Amino acid sequence: MGYFLAVDAGGTKAEFLLADGERELGRATCASIKRLNTAEEEAGRNLDEGLAQLRNRTGVELNQIAHTCIGTSGNTVPLVTDWLRDNFGKRVGGRVQIVIPVSKPNHAQSPAETRRRSNSRMNARRKKSATNASLQ
């Protein structure tokens, strides 16, 4: 059976989620493994701690992991990406992939949010006009 590891490698902490093809098996958290924020040795110790927690909670050996997917900012910085690939590659089985975080662009709003913002701007203009008129 294949296991899948999802990792959120944040600046203050790293979060791990292990699943099989049907369900979540366990989660773990450790201090940051992100090399922009953490020294190399400390990042390695943190990674070992997080993976050990996950192994202890799930009983799944790390070499049984078929695919690891890591999300992090700074994914265009070789210091970050190379370290993550190398260090996960040494510790877990299977493929290691680093993904680009996707955020919702400002223009991709729901119609209700668009109306709310538009009404808010109109009300602010009306209030400013009323204030200016009373000052004259």
C-alpha atoms as a PDB file:
ATOM      1  CA  MET A   1       0.000   0.000   0.000  1.00  0.00           C
ATOM      2  CA  GLY A   2       1.276   3.495  -0.835  1.00  0.00           C
ATOM      3  CA  TYR A   3       1.462   6.231   1.754  1.00  0.00           C
ATOM      4  CA  PHE A   4       1.399   9.928   1.018  1.00  0.00           C
ATOM      5  CA  LEU A   5       3.091  12.637   3.071  1.00  0.00           C
ATOM      6  CA  ALA A   6       1.973  16.260   2.869  1.00  0.00           C
ATOM      7  CA  VAL A   7       4.236  18.889   4.444  1.00  0.00           C
ATOM      8  CA  ASP A   8       3.655  22.572   5.122  1.00  0.00           C
ATOM      9  CA  ALA A   9       7.166  23.928   5.653  1.00  0.00           C
ATOM     10  CA  GLY A  10       6.426  27.280   7.247  1.00  0.00           C
ATOM     11  CA  GLY A  11       8.729  29.897   8.688  1.00  0.00           C
ATOM     12  CA  THR A  12       7.845  29.177  12.332  1.00  0.00           C
ATOM     13  CA  LYS A  13       6.763  25.538  12.212  1.00  0.00           C
ATOM     14  CA  ALA A  14       6.414  22.559   9.918  1.00  0.00           C
ATOM     15  CA  GLU A  15       3.260  20.473   9.777  1.00  0.00           C
ATOM     16  CA  PHE A  16       3.124  16.901   8.481  1.00  0.00           C
ATOM     17  CA  LEU A  17       0.115  14.825   7.429  1.00  0.00           C
ATOM     18  CA  LEU A  18       0.375  11.151   6.485  1.00  0.00           C
ATOM     19  CA  ALA A  19      -2.407   9.401   4.550  1.00  0.00           C
ATOM     20  CA  ASP A  20      -3.051   6.276   2.586  1.00  0.00           C
ATOM     21  CA  GLY A  21      -5.273   6.154  -0.484  1.00  0.00           C
ATOM     22  CA  GLU A  22      -8.437   6.422   1.627  1.00  0.00           C
ATOM     23  CA  ARG A  23      -7.863   8.302   4.862  1.00  0.00           C
ATOM     24  CA  GLU A  24      -5.667  10.445   7.042  1.00  0.00           C
ATOM     25  CA  LEU A  25      -3.462   8.368   9.318  1.00  0.00           C
ATOM     26  CA  GLY A  26      -1.794  10.991  11.483  1.00  0.00           C
ATOM     27  CA  ARG A  27      -0.351  14.457  11.905  1.00  0.00           C
ATOM     28  CA  ALA A  28       2.776  15.910  13.495  1.00  0.00           C
ATOM     29  CA  THR A  29       4.245  19.361  14.047  1.00  0.00           C
ATOM     30  CA  CYS A  30       7.783  20.552  14.729  1.00  0.00           C
ATOM     31  CA  ALA A  31       9.766  23.781  14.688  1.00  0.00           C
ATOM     32  CA  SER A  32      10.674  25.269  11.298  1.00  0.00           C
ATOM     33  CA  ILE A  33      12.610  23.263   8.724  1.00  0.00           C
ATOM     34  CA  LYS A  34      12.774  26.206   6.338  1.00  0.00           C
ATOM     35  CA  ARG A  35      16.408  27.069   5.640  1.00  0.00           C
ATOM     36  CA  LEU A  36      15.761  30.790   5.137  1.00  0.00           C
ATOM     37  CA  ASN A  37      14.718  30.958   8.793  1.00  0.00           C
ATOM     38  CA  THR A  38      16.658  28.096  10.394  1.00  0.00           C
ATOM     39  CA  ALA A  39      20.289  26.984  10.506  1.00  0.00           C
ATOM     40  CA  GLU A  40      21.037  23.772   8.613  1.00  0.00           C
ATOM     41  CA  GLU A  41      21.755  21.577  11.655  1.00  0.00           C
ATOM     42  CA  GLU A  42      18.712  22.860  13.534  1.00  0.00           C
ATOM     43  CA  ALA A  43      16.474  22.350  10.496  1.00  0.00           C
ATOM     44  CA  GLY A  44      17.715  18.749  10.240  1.00  0.00           C
ATOM     45  CA  ARG A  45      17.021  18.091  13.924  1.00  0.00           C
ATOM     46  CA  ASN A  46      13.556  19.617  13.563  1.00  0.00           C
ATOM     47  CA  LEU A  47      12.828  17.475  10.507  1.00  0.00           C
ATOM     48  CA  ASP A  48      13.950  14.328  12.332  1.00  0.00           C
ATOM     49  CA  GLU A  49      11.711  15.242  15.279  1.00  0.00           C
ATOM     50  CA  GLY A  50       8.647  15.815  13.094  1.00  0.00           C
ATOM     51  CA  LEU A  51       9.139  12.604  11.121  1.00  0.00           C
ATOM     52  CA  ALA A  52       9.741  10.598  14.324  1.00  0.00           C
ATOM     53  CA  GLN A  53       6.487  11.942  15.783  1.00  0.00           C
ATOM     54  CA  LEU A  54       4.658  10.918  12.628  1.00  0.00           C
ATOM     55  CA  ARG A  55       6.193   7.434  12.597  1.00  0.00           C
ATOM     56  CA  ASN A  56       5.377   6.931  16.302  1.00  0.00           C
ATOM     57  CA  ARG A  57       1.776   8.095  15.866  1.00  0.00           C
ATOM     58  CA  THR A  58       1.040   6.045  12.756  1.00  0.00           C
ATOM     59  CA  GLY A  59       3.333   3.026  12.953  1.00  0.00           C
ATOM     60  CA  VAL A  60       4.266   3.604   9.301  1.00  0.00           C
ATOM     61  CA  GLU A  61       7.949   3.318   8.430  1.00  0.00           C
ATOM     62  CA  LEU A  62       9.234   6.295   6.453  1.00  0.00           C
ATOM     63  CA  ASN A  63      10.631   4.121   3.667  1.00  0.00           C
ATOM     64  CA  GLN A  64       7.038   3.030   2.910  1.00  0.00           C
ATOM     65  CA  ILE A  65       6.058   6.557   1.824  1.00  0.00           C
ATOM     66  CA  ALA A  66       5.408   6.604  -1.921  1.00  0.00           C
ATOM     67  CA  HIS A  67       5.078  10.355  -2.454  1.00  0.00           C
ATOM     68  CA  THR A  68       5.948  13.452  -0.426  1.00  0.00           C
ATOM     69  CA  CYS A  69       4.488  16.812  -1.380  1.00  0.00           C
ATOM     70  CA  ILE A  70       5.993  19.902   0.290  1.00  0.00           C
ATOM     71  CA  GLY A  71       4.453  23.357   0.209  1.00  0.00           C
ATOM     72  CA  THR A  72       6.568  26.347   1.179  1.00  0.00           C
ATOM     73  CA  SER A  73       7.172  29.934   0.240  1.00  0.00           C
ATOM     74  CA  GLY A  74      10.641  30.634  -1.085  1.00  0.00           C
ATOM     75  CA  ASN A  75      10.305  27.714  -3.461  1.00  0.00           C
ATOM     76  CA  THR A  76      12.408  29.540  -6.057  1.00  0.00           C
ATOM     77  CA  VAL A  77      15.355  29.841  -3.674  1.00  0.00           C
ATOM     78  CA  PRO A  78      17.861  26.995  -4.141  1.00  0.00           C
ATOM     79  CA  LEU A  79      18.834  27.124  -0.445  1.00  0.00           C
ATOM     80  CA  VAL A  80      15.237  26.165   0.386  1.00  0.00           C
ATOM     81  CA  THR A  81      14.376  23.747  -2.416  1.00  0.00           C
ATOM     82  CA  ASP A  82      17.701  21.911  -2.603  1.00  0.00           C
ATOM     83  CA  TRP A  83      17.795  21.383   1.161  1.00  0.00           C
ATOM     84  CA  LEU A  84      14.204  20.113   1.270  1.00  0.00           C
ATOM     85  CA  ARG A  85      14.708  17.710  -1.652  1.00  0.00           C
ATOM     86  CA  ASP A  86      18.013  16.378  -0.317  1.00  0.00           C
ATOM     87  CA  ASN A  87      16.914  15.970   3.277  1.00  0.00           C
ATOM     88  CA  PHE A  88      13.503  14.453   2.608  1.00  0.00           C
ATOM     89  CA  GLY A  89      15.109  12.234  -0.036  1.00  0.00           C
ATOM     90  CA  LYS A  90      17.507  10.862   2.604  1.00  0.00           C
ATOM     91  CA  ARG A  91      14.751  10.247   5.156  1.00  0.00           C
ATOM     92  CA  VAL A  92      11.618   9.081   3.328  1.00  0.00           C
ATOM     93  CA  GLY A  93      10.878   6.705   0.481  1.00  0.00           C
ATOM     94  CA  GLY A  94       9.341   7.578  -2.858  1.00  0.00           C
ATOM     95  CA  ARG A  95       9.149  10.770  -4.836  1.00  0.00           C
ATOM     96  CA  VAL A  96       9.641  14.221  -3.249  1.00  0.00           C
ATOM     97  CA  GLN A  97       7.853  17.134  -4.879  1.00  0.00           C
ATOM     98  CA  ILE A  98       7.878  20.811  -3.927  1.00  0.00           C
ATOM     99  CA  VAL A  99       4.753  22.712  -4.912  1.00  0.00           C
ATOM    100  CA  ILE A 100       4.098  26.388  -5.458  1.00  0.00           C
ATOM    101  CA  PRO A 101       1.605  27.863  -2.969  1.00  0.00           C
ATOM    102  CA  VAL A 102      -1.462  29.218  -4.739  1.00  0.00           C
ATOM    103  CA  SER A 103      -3.361  32.188  -3.395  1.00  0.00           C
ATOM    104  CA  LYS A 104      -6.677  33.568  -4.526  1.00  0.00           C
ATOM    105  CA  PRO A 105      -6.091  36.682  -6.642  1.00  0.00           C
ATOM    106  CA  ASN A 106      -7.913  39.837  -5.563  1.00  0.00           C
ATOM    107  CA  HIS A 107     -10.027  39.908  -8.725  1.00  0.00           C
ATOM    108  CA  ALA A 108     -11.406  36.403  -8.054  1.00  0.00           C
ATOM    109  CA  GLN A 109     -14.148  37.496  -5.658  1.00  0.00           C
ATOM    110  CA  SER A 110     -17.630  36.183  -5.246  1.00  0.00           C
ATOM    111  CA  PRO A 111     -20.421  38.440  -6.618  1.00  0.00           C
ATOM    112  CA  ALA A 112     -21.590  39.118  -3.043  1.00  0.00           C
ATOM    113  CA  GLU A 113     -18.079  40.254  -2.015  1.00  0.00           C
ATOM    114  CA  THR A 114     -17.863  42.504  -5.087  1.00  0.00           C
ATOM    115  CA  ARG A 115     -21.215  44.143  -4.171  1.00  0.00           C
ATOM    116  CA  ARG A 116     -20.201  44.562  -0.522  1.00  0.00           C
ATOM    117  CA  ARG A 117     -16.935  46.276  -1.445  1.00  0.00           C
ATOM    118  CA  SER A 118     -18.636  48.471  -4.018  1.00  0.00           C
ATOM    119  CA  ASN A 119     -21.335  49.537  -1.533  1.00  0.00           C
ATOM    120  CA  SER A 120     -18.696  50.227   1.091  1.00  0.00           C
ATOM    121  CA  ARG A 121     -16.767  52.511  -1.297  1.00  0.00           C
ATOM    122  CA  MET A 122     -19.993  54.336  -2.320  1.00  0.00           C
ATOM    123  CA  ASN A 123     -20.958  54.899   1.328  1.00  0.00           C
ATOM    124  CA  ALA A 124     -17.497  56.257   2.094  1.00  0.00           C
ATOM    125  CA  ARG A 125     -17.745  58.708  -0.848  1.00  0.00           C
ATOM    126  CA  ARG A 126     -21.215  59.850   0.258  1.00  0.00           C
ATOM    127  CA  LYS A 127     -20.019  60.410   3.808  1.00  0.00           C
ATOM    128  CA  LYS A 128     -16.993  62.396   2.566  1.00  0.00           C
ATOM    129  CA  SER A 129     -19.237  64.507   0.284  1.00  0.00           C
ATOM    130  CA  ALA A 130     -21.655  65.211   3.141  1.00  0.00           C
ATOM    131  CA  THR A 131     -18.794  66.203   5.428  1.00  0.00           C
ATOM    132  CA  ASN A 132     -17.299  68.521   2.774  1.00  0.00           C
ATOM    133  CA  ALA A 133     -20.732  70.123   2.139  1.00  0.00           C
ATOM    134  CA  SER A 134     -21.264  70.824   5.830  1.00  0.00           C
ATOM    135  CA  LEU A 135     -17.848  72.512   6.042  1.00  0.00           C
ATOM    136  CA  GLN A 136     -18.660  74.986   3.260  1.00  0.00           C
END
